[in-house]
């Protein structure tokens, strides 16, 4: 087989491989855009990226009017304090997850245990938050669910805002009917060239 033909066949197979690999989507940066629903938002709140659910009561406080911070929320109890357990279930696994807590009363009265889960691997990380600040779960891996276990005593509890993460969209279907004929044609051409070489060698 000549060097030129080898080069052309190599380039062809590289192009076909690129068609398959190009169908694999990359991760996209995303946030949770919490709607402004006030102090009596009905749980759950379903967003494109996740579902936010109060596990002890039927309401959430959201936004500047309800929670006090735009694009934030908390899990409310019947007294409208941010002291209920809750969860966030992500539509697709997320990585590099960070968010902020707010509303804590210093001195240890407000306390929330936050657990990150992967649907297949189980518990990925768990931490306890007693102050306002950044919660960094970027090293936890691919998270499908957050569980908030509120242990606040006589204070108003904590809320959450500023969610940031990467999410991989569902894998797109690879256009097999278009790619397979090209691949088959390339392999067939390589076979034909090899057969001709053997025939020529046998004749001489």
Foldseek 3Di string as FASTA:
>chain_A
DDPVVVVVLVVLVVVLVCLQVVLFFDWDKDFQQWDQDALFAFPWDDDLFKIKGFPADGGKGAACRHPNHHQKIARADPVSFRFTKIKIFTPFWWAFKKWWKDDADPDQQWKKKKWFADPVPGTQDIDMDRDTDMDTCRPSPTTGMMIIHTPHHPGRYMMIGDIMTIGGDPRDDRPCVVSVVSVVVSVVVVVVVVVVVVVVVVVD
